[in-house]
């Protein structure tokens, strides 16, 4: 089996992923991780408040 060059790999995979699509994926992942951190912090805050009072 011969080694494929970058151009052949790109054409097999259906074209190169555009910068806008990469940026969109990054932004979506960033928002998801940020939301998860906010939920986790809120949960910890509730636990601390319940422990103190």
PDB file of N, CA and C in Angstrom:
ATOM      1  N   UNK A   1       0.852  -1.193   0.000  1.00  0.00           N
ATOM      2  CA  UNK A   1       0.000   0.000   0.000  1.00  0.00           C
ATOM      3  C   UNK A   1       0.889   1.246   0.000  1.00  0.00           C
ATOM      4  N   UNK A   2       0.607   2.164  -0.909  1.00  0.00           N
ATOM      5  CA  UNK A   2       1.479   3.337  -1.022  1.00  0.00           C
ATOM      6  C   UNK A   2       1.107   4.407  -0.003  1.00  0.00           C
ATOM      7  N   UNK A   3       2.100   5.191   0.371  1.00  0.00           N
ATOM      8  CA  UNK A   3       1.863   6.323   1.271  1.00  0.00           C
ATOM      9  C   UNK A   3       1.057   7.394   0.541  1.00  0.00           C
ATOM     10  N   UNK A   4       0.089   7.960   1.217  1.00  0.00           N
ATOM     11  CA  UNK A   4      -0.711   9.027   0.623  1.00  0.00           C
ATOM     12  C   UNK A   4      -0.115  10.378   1.008  1.00  0.00           C
ATOM     13  N   UNK A   5      -0.081  11.290   0.056  1.00  0.00           N
ATOM     14  CA  UNK A   5       0.384  12.634   0.392  1.00  0.00           C
ATOM     15  C   UNK A   5      -0.787  13.458   0.943  1.00  0.00           C
ATOM     16  N   UNK A   6      -0.497  14.659   1.409  1.00  0.00           N
ATOM     17  CA  UNK A   6      -1.532  15.488   2.042  1.00  0.00           C
ATOM     18  C   UNK A   6      -2.705  15.769   1.113  1.00  0.00           C
ATOM     19  N   UNK A   7      -2.409  16.041  -0.144  1.00  0.00           N
ATOM     20  CA  UNK A   7      -3.485  16.365  -1.086  1.00  0.00           C
ATOM     21  C   UNK A   7      -4.431  15.183  -1.259  1.00  0.00           C
ATOM     22  N   UNK A   8      -3.875  13.975  -1.347  1.00  0.00           N
ATOM     23  CA  UNK A   8      -4.710  12.775  -1.492  1.00  0.00           C
ATOM     24  C   UNK A   8      -5.536  12.532  -0.231  1.00  0.00           C
ATOM     25  N   UNK A   9      -4.942  12.736   0.930  1.00  0.00           N
ATOM     26  CA  UNK A   9      -5.680  12.559   2.184  1.00  0.00           C
ATOM     27  C   UNK A   9      -6.830  13.554   2.287  1.00  0.00           C
ATOM     28  N   UNK A  10      -6.563  14.793   1.902  1.00  0.00           N
ATOM     29  CA  UNK A  10      -7.597  15.830   1.963  1.00  0.00           C
ATOM     30  C   UNK A  10      -8.743  15.481   1.020  1.00  0.00           C
ATOM     31  N   UNK A  11      -8.420  15.005  -0.188  1.00  0.00           N
ATOM     32  CA  UNK A  11      -9.482  14.686  -1.142  1.00  0.00           C
ATOM     33  C   UNK A  11     -10.282  13.468  -0.689  1.00  0.00           C
ATOM     34  N   UNK A  12      -9.648  12.503  -0.005  1.00  0.00           N
ATOM     35  CA  UNK A  12     -10.372  11.336   0.522  1.00  0.00           C
ATOM     36  C   UNK A  12     -11.341  11.779   1.618  1.00  0.00           C
ATOM     37  N   UNK A  13     -10.896  12.693   2.477  1.00  0.00           N
ATOM     38  CA  UNK A  13     -11.714  13.128   3.608  1.00  0.00           C
ATOM     39  C   UNK A  13     -12.779  14.143   3.231  1.00  0.00           C
ATOM     40  N   UNK A  14     -12.901  14.465   1.971  1.00  0.00           N
ATOM     41  CA  UNK A  14     -13.973  15.350   1.539  1.00  0.00           C
ATOM     42  C   UNK A  14     -13.619  16.823   1.604  1.00  0.00           C
ATOM     43  N   UNK A  15     -12.360  17.146   1.484  1.00  0.00           N
ATOM     44  CA  UNK A  15     -11.965  18.548   1.474  1.00  0.00           C
ATOM     45  C   UNK A  15     -11.409  18.993   2.805  1.00  0.00           C
ATOM     46  N   UNK A  16     -10.712  20.098   2.754  1.00  0.00           N
ATOM     47  CA  UNK A  16     -10.093  20.642   3.960  1.00  0.00           C
ATOM     48  C   UNK A  16     -11.155  21.357   4.793  1.00  0.00           C
ATOM     49  N   UNK A  17     -11.035  21.255   6.103  1.00  0.00           N
ATOM     50  CA  UNK A  17     -11.984  21.926   6.993  1.00  0.00           C
ATOM     51  C   UNK A  17     -11.659  23.415   6.997  1.00  0.00           C
ATOM     52  N   UNK A  18     -12.658  24.237   6.776  1.00  0.00           N
ATOM     53  CA  UNK A  18     -12.432  25.682   6.695  1.00  0.00           C
ATOM     54  C   UNK A  18     -12.093  26.255   8.071  1.00  0.00           C
ATOM     55  N   UNK A  19     -11.473  27.420   8.047  1.00  0.00           N
ATOM     56  CA  UNK A  19     -11.111  28.083   9.307  1.00  0.00           C
ATOM     57  C   UNK A  19     -12.362  28.417  10.112  1.00  0.00           C
ATOM     58  N   UNK A  20     -13.428  28.846   9.419  1.00  0.00           N
ATOM     59  CA  UNK A  20     -14.663  29.214  10.121  1.00  0.00           C
ATOM     60  C   UNK A  20     -15.252  28.010  10.847  1.00  0.00           C
ATOM     61  N   UNK A  21     -15.193  26.844  10.210  1.00  0.00           N
ATOM     62  CA  UNK A  21     -15.738  25.641  10.844  1.00  0.00           C
ATOM     63  C   UNK A  21     -14.892  25.250  12.054  1.00  0.00           C
ATOM     64  N   UNK A  22     -13.554  25.338  11.909  1.00  0.00           N
ATOM     65  CA  UNK A  22     -12.671  25.042  13.043  1.00  0.00           C
ATOM     66  C   UNK A  22     -12.935  26.012  14.191  1.00  0.00           C
ATOM     67  N   UNK A  23     -13.082  27.294  13.858  1.00  0.00           N
ATOM     68  CA  UNK A  23     -13.350  28.304  14.886  1.00  0.00           C
ATOM     69  C   UNK A  23     -14.695  28.042  15.549  1.00  0.00           C
ATOM     70  N   UNK A  24     -15.672  27.612  14.769  1.00  0.00           N
ATOM     71  CA  UNK A  24     -16.991  27.290  15.319  1.00  0.00           C
ATOM     72  C   UNK A  24     -16.929  26.131  16.292  1.00  0.00           C
ATOM     73  N   UNK A  25     -16.186  25.078  15.903  1.00  0.00           N
ATOM     74  CA  UNK A  25     -16.030  23.932  16.805  1.00  0.00           C
ATOM     75  C   UNK A  25     -15.338  24.355  18.093  1.00  0.00           C
ATOM     76  N   UNK A  26     -14.297  25.184  17.962  1.00  0.00           N
ATOM     77  CA  UNK A  26     -13.564  25.646  19.136  1.00  0.00           C
ATOM     78  C   UNK A  26     -14.473  26.469  20.048  1.00  0.00           C
ATOM     79  N   UNK A  27     -15.255  27.374  19.444  1.00  0.00           N
ATOM     80  CA  UNK A  27     -16.151  28.225  20.233  1.00  0.00           C
ATOM     81  C   UNK A  27     -17.206  27.382  20.939  1.00  0.00           C
ATOM     82  N   UNK A  28     -17.762  26.403  20.243  1.00  0.00           N
ATOM     83  CA  UNK A  28     -18.790  25.549  20.848  1.00  0.00           C
ATOM     84  C   UNK A  28     -18.210  24.742  22.007  1.00  0.00           C
ATOM     85  N   UNK A  29     -17.011  24.213  21.818  1.00  0.00           N
ATOM     86  CA  UNK A  29     -16.381  23.447  22.888  1.00  0.00           C
ATOM     87  C   UNK A  29     -16.055  24.350  24.073  1.00  0.00           C
ATOM     88  N   UNK A  30     -15.578  25.563  23.794  1.00  0.00           N
ATOM     89  CA  UNK A  30     -15.261  26.517  24.854  1.00  0.00           C
ATOM     90  C   UNK A  30     -16.510  26.858  25.669  1.00  0.00           C
ATOM     91  N   UNK A  31     -17.634  27.110  24.979  1.00  0.00           N
ATOM     92  CA  UNK A  31     -18.890  27.435  25.667  1.00  0.00           C
ATOM     93  C   UNK A  31     -19.349  26.248  26.511  1.00  0.00           C
ATOM     94  N   UNK A  32     -19.229  25.035  25.974  1.00  0.00           N
ATOM     95  CA  UNK A  32     -19.661  23.845  26.711  1.00  0.00           C
ATOM     96  C   UNK A  32     -18.822  23.638  27.967  1.00  0.00           C
ATOM     97  N   UNK A  33     -17.510  23.790  27.846  1.00  0.00           N
ATOM     98  CA  UNK A  33     -16.630  23.612  29.006  1.00  0.00           C
ATOM     99  C   UNK A  33     -16.881  24.706  30.035  1.00  0.00           C
ATOM    100  N   UNK A  34     -17.065  25.938  29.574  1.00  0.00           N
ATOM    101  CA  UNK A  34     -17.352  27.046  30.483  1.00  0.00           C
ATOM    102  C   UNK A  34     -18.660  26.814  31.231  1.00  0.00           C
ATOM    103  N   UNK A  35     -19.685  26.357  30.519  1.00  0.00           N
ATOM    104  CA  UNK A  35     -20.975  26.076  31.157  1.00  0.00           C
ATOM    105  C   UNK A  35     -20.833  24.970  32.197  1.00  0.00           C
ATOM    106  N   UNK A  36     -20.071  23.935  31.878  1.00  0.00           N
ATOM    107  CA  UNK A  36     -19.863  22.844  32.836  1.00  0.00           C
ATOM    108  C   UNK A  36     -19.151  23.355  34.083  1.00  0.00           C
ATOM    109  N   UNK A  37     -18.164  24.229  33.912  1.00  0.00           N
ATOM    110  CA  UNK A  37     -17.444  24.794  35.060  1.00  0.00           C
ATOM    111  C   UNK A  37     -18.356  25.667  35.912  1.00  0.00           C
ATOM    112  N   UNK A  38     -19.217  26.440  35.269  1.00  0.00           N
ATOM    113  CA  UNK A  38     -20.147  27.301  36.009  1.00  0.00           C
ATOM    114  C   UNK A  38     -21.105  26.450  36.831  1.00  0.00           C
ATOM    115  N   UNK A  39     -21.632  25.382  36.238  1.00  0.00           N
ATOM    116  CA  UNK A  39     -22.544  24.489  36.967  1.00  0.00           C
ATOM    117  C   UNK A  39     -21.817  23.855  38.144  1.00  0.00           C
ATOM    118  N   UNK A  40     -20.573  23.407  37.925  1.00  0.00           N
ATOM    119  CA  UNK A  40     -19.808  22.780  38.995  1.00  0.00           C
ATOM    120  C   UNK A  40     -19.546  23.770  40.135  1.00  0.00           C
ATOM    121  N   UNK A  41     -19.160  25.006  39.791  1.00  0.00           N
ATOM    122  CA  UNK A  41     -18.913  26.021  40.818  1.00  0.00           C
ATOM    123  C   UNK A  41     -20.182  26.358  41.593  1.00  0.00           C
ATOM    124  N   UNK A  42     -21.307  26.455  40.885  1.00  0.00           N
ATOM    125  CA  UNK A  42     -22.573  26.744  41.560  1.00  0.00           C
ATOM    126  C   UNK A  42     -22.925  25.620  42.529  1.00  0.00           C
ATOM    127  N   UNK A  43     -22.706  24.379  42.118  1.00  0.00           N
ATOM    128  CA  UNK A  43     -22.989  23.234  42.979  1.00  0.00           C
ATOM    129  C   UNK A  43     -22.096  23.260  44.217  1.00  0.00           C
ATOM    130  N   UNK A  44     -20.816  23.573  44.022  1.00  0.00           N
ATOM    131  CA  UNK A  44     -19.893  23.667  45.162  1.00  0.00           C
ATOM    132  C   UNK A  44     -20.303  24.792  46.104  1.00  0.00           C
ATOM    133  N   UNK A  45     -20.723  25.917  45.541  1.00  0.00           N
ATOM    134  CA  UNK A  45     -21.151  27.057  46.355  1.00  0.00           C
ATOM    135  C   UNK A  45     -22.356  26.687  47.211  1.00  0.00           C
ATOM    136  N   UNK A  46     -23.310  25.980  46.624  1.00  0.00           N
ATOM    137  CA  UNK A  46     -24.489  25.541  47.378  1.00  0.00           C
ATOM    138  C   UNK A  46     -24.072  24.619  48.517  1.00  0.00           C
ATOM    139  N   UNK A  47     -23.146  23.690  48.245  1.00  0.00           N
ATOM    140  CA  UNK A  47     -22.675  22.786  49.295  1.00  0.00           C
ATOM    141  C   UNK A  47     -21.999  23.555  50.426  1.00  0.00           C
ATOM    142  N   UNK A  48     -21.187  24.548  50.087  1.00  0.00           N
ATOM    143  CA  UNK A  48     -20.495  25.341  51.108  1.00  0.00           C
ATOM    144  C   UNK A  48     -21.508  26.116  51.944  1.00  0.00           C
ATOM    145  N   UNK A  49     -22.495  26.724  51.289  1.00  0.00           N
ATOM    146  CA  UNK A  49     -23.511  27.493  52.016  1.00  0.00           C
ATOM    147  C   UNK A  49     -24.304  26.581  52.950  1.00  0.00           C
ATOM    148  N   UNK A  50     -24.658  25.385  52.467  1.00  0.00           N
ATOM    149  CA  UNK A  50     -25.402  24.443  53.317  1.00  0.00           C
ATOM    150  C   UNK A  50     -24.558  24.005  54.506  1.00  0.00           C
ATOM    151  N   UNK A  51     -23.253  23.851  54.306  1.00  0.00           N
ATOM    152  CA  UNK A  51     -22.366  23.422  55.385  1.00  0.00           C
ATOM    153  C   UNK A  51     -22.226  24.516  56.439  1.00  0.00           C
ATOM    154  N   UNK A  52     -22.126  25.774  56.005  1.00  0.00           N
ATOM    155  CA  UNK A  52     -21.921  26.883  56.938  1.00  0.00           C
ATOM    156  C   UNK A  52     -23.189  27.169  57.733  1.00  0.00           C
ATOM    157  N   UNK A  53     -24.341  27.202  57.047  1.00  0.00           N
ATOM    158  CA  UNK A  53     -25.568  27.612  57.734  1.00  0.00           C
ATOM    159  C   UNK A  53     -26.388  26.436  58.182  1.00  0.00           C
TER     160      UNK A  53
END
